[in-house]
Every structure is written in structure tokens, then in C-alpha cells.
Amino acid sequence: GFAKECAVVTHHRLMNDPDGNGVV
């Protein structure tokens, strides 16, 4: 009933992109 509406958290941290494209 809810599968298509779920927001899923997969990661717990951001980092600066080594290639200089902001935060990834």
C-alpha cells in the first residue's frame, strides 16, 4: 500500500566533490 510513496534514506554523510562540483 505504501511502497510507491516511500522516501528512502540510503546515506548518512555528504562530502565535497573532489572534482569541484559542490557537495556530493
PDBML (XML) file of the C-alpha atoms, coordinates in Angstrom:
<?xml version="1.0" encoding="UTF-8" ?>
<PDBx:datablock datablockName="MODEL"
   xmlns:PDBx="http://pdbml.pdb.org/schema/pdbx-v50.xsd"
   xmlns:xsi="http://www.w3.org/2001/XMLSchema-instance"
   xsi:schemaLocation="http://pdbml.pdb.org/schema/pdbx-v50.xsd pdbx-v50.xsd">
   <PDBx:atom_siteCategory>
      <PDBx:atom_site id="1">
         <PDBx:B_iso_or_equiv>0.00</PDBx:B_iso_or_equiv>
         <PDBx:Cartn_x>0.000</PDBx:Cartn_x>
         <PDBx:Cartn_y>0.000</PDBx:Cartn_y>
         <PDBx:Cartn_z>0.000</PDBx:Cartn_z>
         <PDBx:auth_asym_id>A</PDBx:auth_asym_id>
         <PDBx:auth_atom_id>CA</PDBx:auth_atom_id>
         <PDBx:auth_comp_id>GLY</PDBx:auth_comp_id>
         <PDBx:auth_seq_id>1</PDBx:auth_seq_id>
         <PDBx:group_PDB>ATOM</PDBx:group_PDB>
         <PDBx:label_alt_id xsi:nil="true" />
         <PDBx:label_asym_id>A</PDBx:label_asym_id>
         <PDBx:label_atom_id>CA</PDBx:label_atom_id>
         <PDBx:label_comp_id>GLY</PDBx:label_comp_id>
         <PDBx:label_entity_id>1</PDBx:label_entity_id>
         <PDBx:label_seq_id>1</PDBx:label_seq_id>
         <PDBx:occupancy>1.00</PDBx:occupancy>
         <PDBx:pdbx_PDB_model_num>1</PDBx:pdbx_PDB_model_num>
         <PDBx:type_symbol>C</PDBx:type_symbol>
      </PDBx:atom_site>
      <PDBx:atom_site id="2">
         <PDBx:B_iso_or_equiv>0.00</PDBx:B_iso_or_equiv>
         <PDBx:Cartn_x>2.872</PDBx:Cartn_x>
         <PDBx:Cartn_y>2.411</PDBx:Cartn_y>
         <PDBx:Cartn_z>0.653</PDBx:Cartn_z>
         <PDBx:auth_asym_id>A</PDBx:auth_asym_id>
         <PDBx:auth_atom_id>CA</PDBx:auth_atom_id>
         <PDBx:auth_comp_id>PHE</PDBx:auth_comp_id>
         <PDBx:auth_seq_id>2</PDBx:auth_seq_id>
         <PDBx:group_PDB>ATOM</PDBx:group_PDB>
         <PDBx:label_alt_id xsi:nil="true" />
         <PDBx:label_asym_id>A</PDBx:label_asym_id>
         <PDBx:label_atom_id>CA</PDBx:label_atom_id>
         <PDBx:label_comp_id>PHE</PDBx:label_comp_id>
         <PDBx:label_entity_id>1</PDBx:label_entity_id>
         <PDBx:label_seq_id>2</PDBx:label_seq_id>
         <PDBx:occupancy>1.00</PDBx:occupancy>
         <PDBx:pdbx_PDB_model_num>1</PDBx:pdbx_PDB_model_num>
         <PDBx:type_symbol>C</PDBx:type_symbol>
      </PDBx:atom_site>
      <PDBx:atom_site id="3">
         <PDBx:B_iso_or_equiv>0.00</PDBx:B_iso_or_equiv>
         <PDBx:Cartn_x>5.787</PDBx:Cartn_x>
         <PDBx:Cartn_y>1.174</PDBx:Cartn_y>
         <PDBx:Cartn_z>-1.478</PDBx:Cartn_z>
         <PDBx:auth_asym_id>A</PDBx:auth_asym_id>
         <PDBx:auth_atom_id>CA</PDBx:auth_atom_id>
         <PDBx:auth_comp_id>ALA</PDBx:auth_comp_id>
         <PDBx:auth_seq_id>3</PDBx:auth_seq_id>
         <PDBx:group_PDB>ATOM</PDBx:group_PDB>
         <PDBx:label_alt_id xsi:nil="true" />
         <PDBx:label_asym_id>A</PDBx:label_asym_id>
         <PDBx:label_atom_id>CA</PDBx:label_atom_id>
         <PDBx:label_comp_id>ALA</PDBx:label_comp_id>
         <PDBx:label_entity_id>1</PDBx:label_entity_id>
         <PDBx:label_seq_id>3</PDBx:label_seq_id>
         <PDBx:occupancy>1.00</PDBx:occupancy>
         <PDBx:pdbx_PDB_model_num>1</PDBx:pdbx_PDB_model_num>
         <PDBx:type_symbol>C</PDBx:type_symbol>
      </PDBx:atom_site>
      <PDBx:atom_site id="4">
         <PDBx:B_iso_or_equiv>0.00</PDBx:B_iso_or_equiv>
         <PDBx:Cartn_x>5.333</PDBx:Cartn_x>
         <PDBx:Cartn_y>3.739</PDBx:Cartn_y>
         <PDBx:Cartn_z>-4.257</PDBx:Cartn_z>
         <PDBx:auth_asym_id>A</PDBx:auth_asym_id>
         <PDBx:auth_atom_id>CA</PDBx:auth_atom_id>
         <PDBx:auth_comp_id>LYS</PDBx:auth_comp_id>
         <PDBx:auth_seq_id>4</PDBx:auth_seq_id>
         <PDBx:group_PDB>ATOM</PDBx:group_PDB>
         <PDBx:label_alt_id xsi:nil="true" />
         <PDBx:label_asym_id>A</PDBx:label_asym_id>
         <PDBx:label_atom_id>CA</PDBx:label_atom_id>
         <PDBx:label_comp_id>LYS</PDBx:label_comp_id>
         <PDBx:label_entity_id>1</PDBx:label_entity_id>
         <PDBx:label_seq_id>4</PDBx:label_seq_id>
         <PDBx:occupancy>1.00</PDBx:occupancy>
         <PDBx:pdbx_PDB_model_num>1</PDBx:pdbx_PDB_model_num>
         <PDBx:type_symbol>C</PDBx:type_symbol>
      </PDBx:atom_site>
      <PDBx:atom_site id="5">
         <PDBx:B_iso_or_equiv>0.00</PDBx:B_iso_or_equiv>
         <PDBx:Cartn_x>5.165</PDBx:Cartn_x>
         <PDBx:Cartn_y>6.661</PDBx:Cartn_y>
         <PDBx:Cartn_z>-1.813</PDBx:Cartn_z>
         <PDBx:auth_asym_id>A</PDBx:auth_asym_id>
         <PDBx:auth_atom_id>CA</PDBx:auth_atom_id>
         <PDBx:auth_comp_id>GLU</PDBx:auth_comp_id>
         <PDBx:auth_seq_id>5</PDBx:auth_seq_id>
         <PDBx:group_PDB>ATOM</PDBx:group_PDB>
         <PDBx:label_alt_id xsi:nil="true" />
         <PDBx:label_asym_id>A</PDBx:label_asym_id>
         <PDBx:label_atom_id>CA</PDBx:label_atom_id>
         <PDBx:label_comp_id>GLU</PDBx:label_comp_id>
         <PDBx:label_entity_id>1</PDBx:label_entity_id>
         <PDBx:label_seq_id>5</PDBx:label_seq_id>
         <PDBx:occupancy>1.00</PDBx:occupancy>
         <PDBx:pdbx_PDB_model_num>1</PDBx:pdbx_PDB_model_num>
         <PDBx:type_symbol>C</PDBx:type_symbol>
      </PDBx:atom_site>
      <PDBx:atom_site id="6">
         <PDBx:B_iso_or_equiv>0.00</PDBx:B_iso_or_equiv>
         <PDBx:Cartn_x>8.194</PDBx:Cartn_x>
         <PDBx:Cartn_y>5.902</PDBx:Cartn_y>
         <PDBx:Cartn_z>0.382</PDBx:Cartn_z>
         <PDBx:auth_asym_id>A</PDBx:auth_asym_id>
         <PDBx:auth_atom_id>CA</PDBx:auth_atom_id>
         <PDBx:auth_comp_id>CYS</PDBx:auth_comp_id>
         <PDBx:auth_seq_id>6</PDBx:auth_seq_id>
         <PDBx:group_PDB>ATOM</PDBx:group_PDB>
         <PDBx:label_alt_id xsi:nil="true" />
         <PDBx:label_asym_id>A</PDBx:label_asym_id>
         <PDBx:label_atom_id>CA</PDBx:label_atom_id>
         <PDBx:label_comp_id>CYS</PDBx:label_comp_id>
         <PDBx:label_entity_id>1</PDBx:label_entity_id>
         <PDBx:label_seq_id>6</PDBx:label_seq_id>
         <PDBx:occupancy>1.00</PDBx:occupancy>
         <PDBx:pdbx_PDB_model_num>1</PDBx:pdbx_PDB_model_num>
         <PDBx:type_symbol>C</PDBx:type_symbol>
      </PDBx:atom_site>
      <PDBx:atom_site id="7">
         <PDBx:B_iso_or_equiv>0.00</PDBx:B_iso_or_equiv>
         <PDBx:Cartn_x>11.170</PDBx:Cartn_x>
         <PDBx:Cartn_y>8.249</PDBx:Cartn_y>
         <PDBx:Cartn_z>0.680</PDBx:Cartn_z>
         <PDBx:auth_asym_id>A</PDBx:auth_asym_id>
         <PDBx:auth_atom_id>CA</PDBx:auth_atom_id>
         <PDBx:auth_comp_id>ALA</PDBx:auth_comp_id>
         <PDBx:auth_seq_id>7</PDBx:auth_seq_id>
         <PDBx:group_PDB>ATOM</PDBx:group_PDB>
         <PDBx:label_alt_id xsi:nil="true" />
         <PDBx:label_asym_id>A</PDBx:label_asym_id>
         <PDBx:label_atom_id>CA</PDBx:label_atom_id>
         <PDBx:label_comp_id>ALA</PDBx:label_comp_id>
         <PDBx:label_entity_id>1</PDBx:label_entity_id>
         <PDBx:label_seq_id>7</PDBx:label_seq_id>
         <PDBx:occupancy>1.00</PDBx:occupancy>
         <PDBx:pdbx_PDB_model_num>1</PDBx:pdbx_PDB_model_num>
         <PDBx:type_symbol>C</PDBx:type_symbol>
      </PDBx:atom_site>
      <PDBx:atom_site id="8">
         <PDBx:B_iso_or_equiv>0.00</PDBx:B_iso_or_equiv>
         <PDBx:Cartn_x>14.291</PDBx:Cartn_x>
         <PDBx:Cartn_y>6.187</PDBx:Cartn_y>
         <PDBx:Cartn_z>1.413</PDBx:Cartn_z>
         <PDBx:auth_asym_id>A</PDBx:auth_asym_id>
         <PDBx:auth_atom_id>CA</PDBx:auth_atom_id>
         <PDBx:auth_comp_id>VAL</PDBx:auth_comp_id>
         <PDBx:auth_seq_id>8</PDBx:auth_seq_id>
         <PDBx:group_PDB>ATOM</PDBx:group_PDB>
         <PDBx:label_alt_id xsi:nil="true" />
         <PDBx:label_asym_id>A</PDBx:label_asym_id>
         <PDBx:label_atom_id>CA</PDBx:label_atom_id>
         <PDBx:label_comp_id>VAL</PDBx:label_comp_id>
         <PDBx:label_entity_id>1</PDBx:label_entity_id>
         <PDBx:label_seq_id>8</PDBx:label_seq_id>
         <PDBx:occupancy>1.00</PDBx:occupancy>
         <PDBx:pdbx_PDB_model_num>1</PDBx:pdbx_PDB_model_num>
         <PDBx:type_symbol>C</PDBx:type_symbol>
      </PDBx:atom_site>
      <PDBx:atom_site id="9">
         <PDBx:B_iso_or_equiv>0.00</PDBx:B_iso_or_equiv>
         <PDBx:Cartn_x>17.429</PDBx:Cartn_x>
         <PDBx:Cartn_y>7.289</PDBx:Cartn_y>
         <PDBx:Cartn_z>3.271</PDBx:Cartn_z>
         <PDBx:auth_asym_id>A</PDBx:auth_asym_id>
         <PDBx:auth_atom_id>CA</PDBx:auth_atom_id>
         <PDBx:auth_comp_id>VAL</PDBx:auth_comp_id>
         <PDBx:auth_seq_id>9</PDBx:auth_seq_id>
         <PDBx:group_PDB>ATOM</PDBx:group_PDB>
         <PDBx:label_alt_id xsi:nil="true" />
         <PDBx:label_asym_id>A</PDBx:label_asym_id>
         <PDBx:label_atom_id>CA</PDBx:label_atom_id>
         <PDBx:label_comp_id>VAL</PDBx:label_comp_id>
         <PDBx:label_entity_id>1</PDBx:label_entity_id>
         <PDBx:label_seq_id>9</PDBx:label_seq_id>
         <PDBx:occupancy>1.00</PDBx:occupancy>
         <PDBx:pdbx_PDB_model_num>1</PDBx:pdbx_PDB_model_num>
         <PDBx:type_symbol>C</PDBx:type_symbol>
      </PDBx:atom_site>
      <PDBx:atom_site id="10">
         <PDBx:B_iso_or_equiv>0.00</PDBx:B_iso_or_equiv>
         <PDBx:Cartn_x>20.484</PDBx:Cartn_x>
         <PDBx:Cartn_y>5.476</PDBx:Cartn_y>
         <PDBx:Cartn_z>1.891</PDBx:Cartn_z>
         <PDBx:auth_asym_id>A</PDBx:auth_asym_id>
         <PDBx:auth_atom_id>CA</PDBx:auth_atom_id>
         <PDBx:auth_comp_id>THR</PDBx:auth_comp_id>
         <PDBx:auth_seq_id>10</PDBx:auth_seq_id>
         <PDBx:group_PDB>ATOM</PDBx:group_PDB>
         <PDBx:label_alt_id xsi:nil="true" />
         <PDBx:label_asym_id>A</PDBx:label_asym_id>
         <PDBx:label_atom_id>CA</PDBx:label_atom_id>
         <PDBx:label_comp_id>THR</PDBx:label_comp_id>
         <PDBx:label_entity_id>1</PDBx:label_entity_id>
         <PDBx:label_seq_id>10</PDBx:label_seq_id>
         <PDBx:occupancy>1.00</PDBx:occupancy>
         <PDBx:pdbx_PDB_model_num>1</PDBx:pdbx_PDB_model_num>
         <PDBx:type_symbol>C</PDBx:type_symbol>
      </PDBx:atom_site>
      <PDBx:atom_site id="11">
         <PDBx:B_iso_or_equiv>0.00</PDBx:B_iso_or_equiv>
         <PDBx:Cartn_x>23.467</PDBx:Cartn_x>
         <PDBx:Cartn_y>7.536</PDBx:Cartn_y>
         <PDBx:Cartn_z>3.165</PDBx:Cartn_z>
         <PDBx:auth_asym_id>A</PDBx:auth_asym_id>
         <PDBx:auth_atom_id>CA</PDBx:auth_atom_id>
         <PDBx:auth_comp_id>HIS</PDBx:auth_comp_id>
         <PDBx:auth_seq_id>11</PDBx:auth_seq_id>
         <PDBx:group_PDB>ATOM</PDBx:group_PDB>
         <PDBx:label_alt_id xsi:nil="true" />
         <PDBx:label_asym_id>A</PDBx:label_asym_id>
         <PDBx:label_atom_id>CA</PDBx:label_atom_id>
         <PDBx:label_comp_id>HIS</PDBx:label_comp_id>
         <PDBx:label_entity_id>1</PDBx:label_entity_id>
         <PDBx:label_seq_id>11</PDBx:label_seq_id>
         <PDBx:occupancy>1.00</PDBx:occupancy>
         <PDBx:pdbx_PDB_model_num>1</PDBx:pdbx_PDB_model_num>
         <PDBx:type_symbol>C</PDBx:type_symbol>
      </PDBx:atom_site>
      <PDBx:atom_site id="12">
         <PDBx:B_iso_or_equiv>0.00</PDBx:B_iso_or_equiv>
         <PDBx:Cartn_x>24.327</PDBx:Cartn_x>
         <PDBx:Cartn_y>9.478</PDBx:Cartn_y>
         <PDBx:Cartn_z>6.292</PDBx:Cartn_z>
         <PDBx:auth_asym_id>A</PDBx:auth_asym_id>
         <PDBx:auth_atom_id>CA</PDBx:auth_atom_id>
         <PDBx:auth_comp_id>HIS</PDBx:auth_comp_id>
         <PDBx:auth_seq_id>12</PDBx:auth_seq_id>
         <PDBx:group_PDB>ATOM</PDBx:group_PDB>
         <PDBx:label_alt_id xsi:nil="true" />
         <PDBx:label_asym_id>A</PDBx:label_asym_id>
         <PDBx:label_atom_id>CA</PDBx:label_atom_id>
         <PDBx:label_comp_id>HIS</PDBx:label_comp_id>
         <PDBx:label_entity_id>1</PDBx:label_entity_id>
         <PDBx:label_seq_id>12</PDBx:label_seq_id>
         <PDBx:occupancy>1.00</PDBx:occupancy>
         <PDBx:pdbx_PDB_model_num>1</PDBx:pdbx_PDB_model_num>
         <PDBx:type_symbol>C</PDBx:type_symbol>
      </PDBx:atom_site>
      <PDBx:atom_site id="13">
         <PDBx:B_iso_or_equiv>0.00</PDBx:B_iso_or_equiv>
         <PDBx:Cartn_x>27.028</PDBx:Cartn_x>
         <PDBx:Cartn_y>11.880</PDBx:Cartn_y>
         <PDBx:Cartn_z>5.158</PDBx:Cartn_z>
         <PDBx:auth_asym_id>A</PDBx:auth_asym_id>
         <PDBx:auth_atom_id>CA</PDBx:auth_atom_id>
         <PDBx:auth_comp_id>ARG</PDBx:auth_comp_id>
         <PDBx:auth_seq_id>13</PDBx:auth_seq_id>
         <PDBx:group_PDB>ATOM</PDBx:group_PDB>
         <PDBx:label_alt_id xsi:nil="true" />
         <PDBx:label_asym_id>A</PDBx:label_asym_id>
         <PDBx:label_atom_id>CA</PDBx:label_atom_id>
         <PDBx:label_comp_id>ARG</PDBx:label_comp_id>
         <PDBx:label_entity_id>1</PDBx:label_entity_id>
         <PDBx:label_seq_id>13</PDBx:label_seq_id>
         <PDBx:occupancy>1.00</PDBx:occupancy>
         <PDBx:pdbx_PDB_model_num>1</PDBx:pdbx_PDB_model_num>
         <PDBx:type_symbol>C</PDBx:type_symbol>
      </PDBx:atom_site>
      <PDBx:atom_site id="14">
         <PDBx:B_iso_or_equiv>0.00</PDBx:B_iso_or_equiv>
         <PDBx:Cartn_x>27.929</PDBx:Cartn_x>
         <PDBx:Cartn_y>14.445</PDBx:Cartn_y>
         <PDBx:Cartn_z>2.482</PDBx:Cartn_z>
         <PDBx:auth_asym_id>A</PDBx:auth_asym_id>
         <PDBx:auth_atom_id>CA</PDBx:auth_atom_id>
         <PDBx:auth_comp_id>LEU</PDBx:auth_comp_id>
         <PDBx:auth_seq_id>14</PDBx:auth_seq_id>
         <PDBx:group_PDB>ATOM</PDBx:group_PDB>
         <PDBx:label_alt_id xsi:nil="true" />
         <PDBx:label_asym_id>A</PDBx:label_asym_id>
         <PDBx:label_atom_id>CA</PDBx:label_atom_id>
         <PDBx:label_comp_id>LEU</PDBx:label_comp_id>
         <PDBx:label_entity_id>1</PDBx:label_entity_id>
         <PDBx:label_seq_id>14</PDBx:label_seq_id>
         <PDBx:occupancy>1.00</PDBx:occupancy>
         <PDBx:pdbx_PDB_model_num>1</PDBx:pdbx_PDB_model_num>
         <PDBx:type_symbol>C</PDBx:type_symbol>
      </PDBx:atom_site>
      <PDBx:atom_site id="15">
         <PDBx:B_iso_or_equiv>0.00</PDBx:B_iso_or_equiv>
         <PDBx:Cartn_x>31.363</PDBx:Cartn_x>
         <PDBx:Cartn_y>15.414</PDBx:Cartn_y>
         <PDBx:Cartn_z>1.232</PDBx:Cartn_z>
         <PDBx:auth_asym_id>A</PDBx:auth_asym_id>
         <PDBx:auth_atom_id>CA</PDBx:auth_atom_id>
         <PDBx:auth_comp_id>MET</PDBx:auth_comp_id>
         <PDBx:auth_seq_id>15</PDBx:auth_seq_id>
         <PDBx:group_PDB>ATOM</PDBx:group_PDB>
         <PDBx:label_alt_id xsi:nil="true" />
         <PDBx:label_asym_id>A</PDBx:label_asym_id>
         <PDBx:label_atom_id>CA</PDBx:label_atom_id>
         <PDBx:label_comp_id>MET</PDBx:label_comp_id>
         <PDBx:label_entity_id>1</PDBx:label_entity_id>
         <PDBx:label_seq_id>15</PDBx:label_seq_id>
         <PDBx:occupancy>1.00</PDBx:occupancy>
         <PDBx:pdbx_PDB_model_num>1</PDBx:pdbx_PDB_model_num>
         <PDBx:type_symbol>C</PDBx:type_symbol>
      </PDBx:atom_site>
      <PDBx:atom_site id="16">
         <PDBx:B_iso_or_equiv>0.00</PDBx:B_iso_or_equiv>
         <PDBx:Cartn_x>32.936</PDBx:Cartn_x>
         <PDBx:Cartn_y>17.996</PDBx:Cartn_y>
         <PDBx:Cartn_z>-1.052</PDBx:Cartn_z>
         <PDBx:auth_asym_id>A</PDBx:auth_asym_id>
         <PDBx:auth_atom_id>CA</PDBx:auth_atom_id>
         <PDBx:auth_comp_id>ASN</PDBx:auth_comp_id>
         <PDBx:auth_seq_id>16</PDBx:auth_seq_id>
         <PDBx:group_PDB>ATOM</PDBx:group_PDB>
         <PDBx:label_alt_id xsi:nil="true" />
         <PDBx:label_asym_id>A</PDBx:label_asym_id>
         <PDBx:label_atom_id>CA</PDBx:label_atom_id>
         <PDBx:label_comp_id>ASN</PDBx:label_comp_id>
         <PDBx:label_entity_id>1</PDBx:label_entity_id>
         <PDBx:label_seq_id>16</PDBx:label_seq_id>
         <PDBx:occupancy>1.00</PDBx:occupancy>
         <PDBx:pdbx_PDB_model_num>1</PDBx:pdbx_PDB_model_num>
         <PDBx:type_symbol>C</PDBx:type_symbol>
      </PDBx:atom_site>
      <PDBx:atom_site id="17">
         <PDBx:B_iso_or_equiv>0.00</PDBx:B_iso_or_equiv>
         <PDBx:Cartn_x>33.213</PDBx:Cartn_x>
         <PDBx:Cartn_y>16.661</PDBx:Cartn_y>
         <PDBx:Cartn_z>-4.578</PDBx:Cartn_z>
         <PDBx:auth_asym_id>A</PDBx:auth_asym_id>
         <PDBx:auth_atom_id>CA</PDBx:auth_atom_id>
         <PDBx:auth_comp_id>ASP</PDBx:auth_comp_id>
         <PDBx:auth_seq_id>17</PDBx:auth_seq_id>
         <PDBx:group_PDB>ATOM</PDBx:group_PDB>
         <PDBx:label_alt_id xsi:nil="true" />
         <PDBx:label_asym_id>A</PDBx:label_asym_id>
         <PDBx:label_atom_id>CA</PDBx:label_atom_id>
         <PDBx:label_comp_id>ASP</PDBx:label_comp_id>
         <PDBx:label_entity_id>1</PDBx:label_entity_id>
         <PDBx:label_seq_id>17</PDBx:label_seq_id>
         <PDBx:occupancy>1.00</PDBx:occupancy>
         <PDBx:pdbx_PDB_model_num>1</PDBx:pdbx_PDB_model_num>
         <PDBx:type_symbol>C</PDBx:type_symbol>
      </PDBx:atom_site>
      <PDBx:atom_site id="18">
         <PDBx:B_iso_or_equiv>0.00</PDBx:B_iso_or_equiv>
         <PDBx:Cartn_x>36.926</PDBx:Cartn_x>
         <PDBx:Cartn_y>16.060</PDBx:Cartn_y>
         <PDBx:Cartn_z>-5.379</PDBx:Cartn_z>
         <PDBx:auth_asym_id>A</PDBx:auth_asym_id>
         <PDBx:auth_atom_id>CA</PDBx:auth_atom_id>
         <PDBx:auth_comp_id>PRO</PDBx:auth_comp_id>
         <PDBx:auth_seq_id>18</PDBx:auth_seq_id>
         <PDBx:group_PDB>ATOM</PDBx:group_PDB>
         <PDBx:label_alt_id xsi:nil="true" />
         <PDBx:label_asym_id>A</PDBx:label_asym_id>
         <PDBx:label_atom_id>CA</PDBx:label_atom_id>
         <PDBx:label_comp_id>PRO</PDBx:label_comp_id>
         <PDBx:label_entity_id>1</PDBx:label_entity_id>
         <PDBx:label_seq_id>18</PDBx:label_seq_id>
         <PDBx:occupancy>1.00</PDBx:occupancy>
         <PDBx:pdbx_PDB_model_num>1</PDBx:pdbx_PDB_model_num>
         <PDBx:type_symbol>C</PDBx:type_symbol>
      </PDBx:atom_site>
      <PDBx:atom_site id="19">
         <PDBx:B_iso_or_equiv>0.00</PDBx:B_iso_or_equiv>
         <PDBx:Cartn_x>36.183</PDBx:Cartn_x>
         <PDBx:Cartn_y>17.319</PDBx:Cartn_y>
         <PDBx:Cartn_z>-8.903</PDBx:Cartn_z>
         <PDBx:auth_asym_id>A</PDBx:auth_asym_id>
         <PDBx:auth_atom_id>CA</PDBx:auth_atom_id>
         <PDBx:auth_comp_id>ASP</PDBx:auth_comp_id>
         <PDBx:auth_seq_id>19</PDBx:auth_seq_id>
         <PDBx:group_PDB>ATOM</PDBx:group_PDB>
         <PDBx:label_alt_id xsi:nil="true" />
         <PDBx:label_asym_id>A</PDBx:label_asym_id>
         <PDBx:label_atom_id>CA</PDBx:label_atom_id>
         <PDBx:label_comp_id>ASP</PDBx:label_comp_id>
         <PDBx:label_entity_id>1</PDBx:label_entity_id>
         <PDBx:label_seq_id>19</PDBx:label_seq_id>
         <PDBx:occupancy>1.00</PDBx:occupancy>
         <PDBx:pdbx_PDB_model_num>1</PDBx:pdbx_PDB_model_num>
         <PDBx:type_symbol>C</PDBx:type_symbol>
      </PDBx:atom_site>
      <PDBx:atom_site id="20">
         <PDBx:B_iso_or_equiv>0.00</PDBx:B_iso_or_equiv>
         <PDBx:Cartn_x>34.921</PDBx:Cartn_x>
         <PDBx:Cartn_y>20.620</PDBx:Cartn_y>
         <PDBx:Cartn_z>-7.561</PDBx:Cartn_z>
         <PDBx:auth_asym_id>A</PDBx:auth_asym_id>
         <PDBx:auth_atom_id>CA</PDBx:auth_atom_id>
         <PDBx:auth_comp_id>GLY</PDBx:auth_comp_id>
         <PDBx:auth_seq_id>20</PDBx:auth_seq_id>
         <PDBx:group_PDB>ATOM</PDBx:group_PDB>
         <PDBx:label_alt_id xsi:nil="true" />
         <PDBx:label_asym_id>A</PDBx:label_asym_id>
         <PDBx:label_atom_id>CA</PDBx:label_atom_id>
         <PDBx:label_comp_id>GLY</PDBx:label_comp_id>
         <PDBx:label_entity_id>1</PDBx:label_entity_id>
         <PDBx:label_seq_id>20</PDBx:label_seq_id>
         <PDBx:occupancy>1.00</PDBx:occupancy>
         <PDBx:pdbx_PDB_model_num>1</PDBx:pdbx_PDB_model_num>
         <PDBx:type_symbol>C</PDBx:type_symbol>
      </PDBx:atom_site>
      <PDBx:atom_site id="21">
         <PDBx:B_iso_or_equiv>0.00</PDBx:B_iso_or_equiv>
         <PDBx:Cartn_x>31.226</PDBx:Cartn_x>
         <PDBx:Cartn_y>20.099</PDBx:Cartn_y>
         <PDBx:Cartn_z>-8.365</PDBx:Cartn_z>
         <PDBx:auth_asym_id>A</PDBx:auth_asym_id>
         <PDBx:auth_atom_id>CA</PDBx:auth_atom_id>
         <PDBx:auth_comp_id>ASN</PDBx:auth_comp_id>
         <PDBx:auth_seq_id>21</PDBx:auth_seq_id>
         <PDBx:group_PDB>ATOM</PDBx:group_PDB>
         <PDBx:label_alt_id xsi:nil="true" />
         <PDBx:label_asym_id>A</PDBx:label_asym_id>
         <PDBx:label_atom_id>CA</PDBx:label_atom_id>
         <PDBx:label_comp_id>ASN</PDBx:label_comp_id>
         <PDBx:label_entity_id>1</PDBx:label_entity_id>
         <PDBx:label_seq_id>21</PDBx:label_seq_id>
         <PDBx:occupancy>1.00</PDBx:occupancy>
         <PDBx:pdbx_PDB_model_num>1</PDBx:pdbx_PDB_model_num>
         <PDBx:type_symbol>C</PDBx:type_symbol>
      </PDBx:atom_site>
      <PDBx:atom_site id="22">
         <PDBx:B_iso_or_equiv>0.00</PDBx:B_iso_or_equiv>
         <PDBx:Cartn_x>29.931</PDBx:Cartn_x>
         <PDBx:Cartn_y>21.132</PDBx:Cartn_y>
         <PDBx:Cartn_z>-4.962</PDBx:Cartn_z>
         <PDBx:auth_asym_id>A</PDBx:auth_asym_id>
         <PDBx:auth_atom_id>CA</PDBx:auth_atom_id>
         <PDBx:auth_comp_id>GLY</PDBx:auth_comp_id>
         <PDBx:auth_seq_id>22</PDBx:auth_seq_id>
         <PDBx:group_PDB>ATOM</PDBx:group_PDB>
         <PDBx:label_alt_id xsi:nil="true" />
         <PDBx:label_asym_id>A</PDBx:label_asym_id>
         <PDBx:label_atom_id>CA</PDBx:label_atom_id>
         <PDBx:label_comp_id>GLY</PDBx:label_comp_id>
         <PDBx:label_entity_id>1</PDBx:label_entity_id>
         <PDBx:label_seq_id>22</PDBx:label_seq_id>
         <PDBx:occupancy>1.00</PDBx:occupancy>
         <PDBx:pdbx_PDB_model_num>1</PDBx:pdbx_PDB_model_num>
         <PDBx:type_symbol>C</PDBx:type_symbol>
      </PDBx:atom_site>
      <PDBx:atom_site id="23">
         <PDBx:B_iso_or_equiv>0.00</PDBx:B_iso_or_equiv>
         <PDBx:Cartn_x>28.651</PDBx:Cartn_x>
         <PDBx:Cartn_y>18.712</PDBx:Cartn_y>
         <PDBx:Cartn_z>-2.343</PDBx:Cartn_z>
         <PDBx:auth_asym_id>A</PDBx:auth_asym_id>
         <PDBx:auth_atom_id>CA</PDBx:auth_atom_id>
         <PDBx:auth_comp_id>VAL</PDBx:auth_comp_id>
         <PDBx:auth_seq_id>23</PDBx:auth_seq_id>
         <PDBx:group_PDB>ATOM</PDBx:group_PDB>
         <PDBx:label_alt_id xsi:nil="true" />
         <PDBx:label_asym_id>A</PDBx:label_asym_id>
         <PDBx:label_atom_id>CA</PDBx:label_atom_id>
         <PDBx:label_comp_id>VAL</PDBx:label_comp_id>
         <PDBx:label_entity_id>1</PDBx:label_entity_id>
         <PDBx:label_seq_id>23</PDBx:label_seq_id>
         <PDBx:occupancy>1.00</PDBx:occupancy>
         <PDBx:pdbx_PDB_model_num>1</PDBx:pdbx_PDB_model_num>
         <PDBx:type_symbol>C</PDBx:type_symbol>
      </PDBx:atom_site>
      <PDBx:atom_site id="24">
         <PDBx:B_iso_or_equiv>0.00</PDBx:B_iso_or_equiv>
         <PDBx:Cartn_x>28.003</PDBx:Cartn_x>
         <PDBx:Cartn_y>15.036</PDBx:Cartn_y>
         <PDBx:Cartn_z>-3.105</PDBx:Cartn_z>
         <PDBx:auth_asym_id>A</PDBx:auth_asym_id>
         <PDBx:auth_atom_id>CA</PDBx:auth_atom_id>
         <PDBx:auth_comp_id>VAL</PDBx:auth_comp_id>
         <PDBx:auth_seq_id>24</PDBx:auth_seq_id>
         <PDBx:group_PDB>ATOM</PDBx:group_PDB>
         <PDBx:label_alt_id xsi:nil="true" />
         <PDBx:label_asym_id>A</PDBx:label_asym_id>
         <PDBx:label_atom_id>CA</PDBx:label_atom_id>
         <PDBx:label_comp_id>VAL</PDBx:label_comp_id>
         <PDBx:label_entity_id>1</PDBx:label_entity_id>
         <PDBx:label_seq_id>24</PDBx:label_seq_id>
         <PDBx:occupancy>1.00</PDBx:occupancy>
         <PDBx:pdbx_PDB_model_num>1</PDBx:pdbx_PDB_model_num>
         <PDBx:type_symbol>C</PDBx:type_symbol>
      </PDBx:atom_site>
   </PDBx:atom_siteCategory>
</PDBx:datablock>
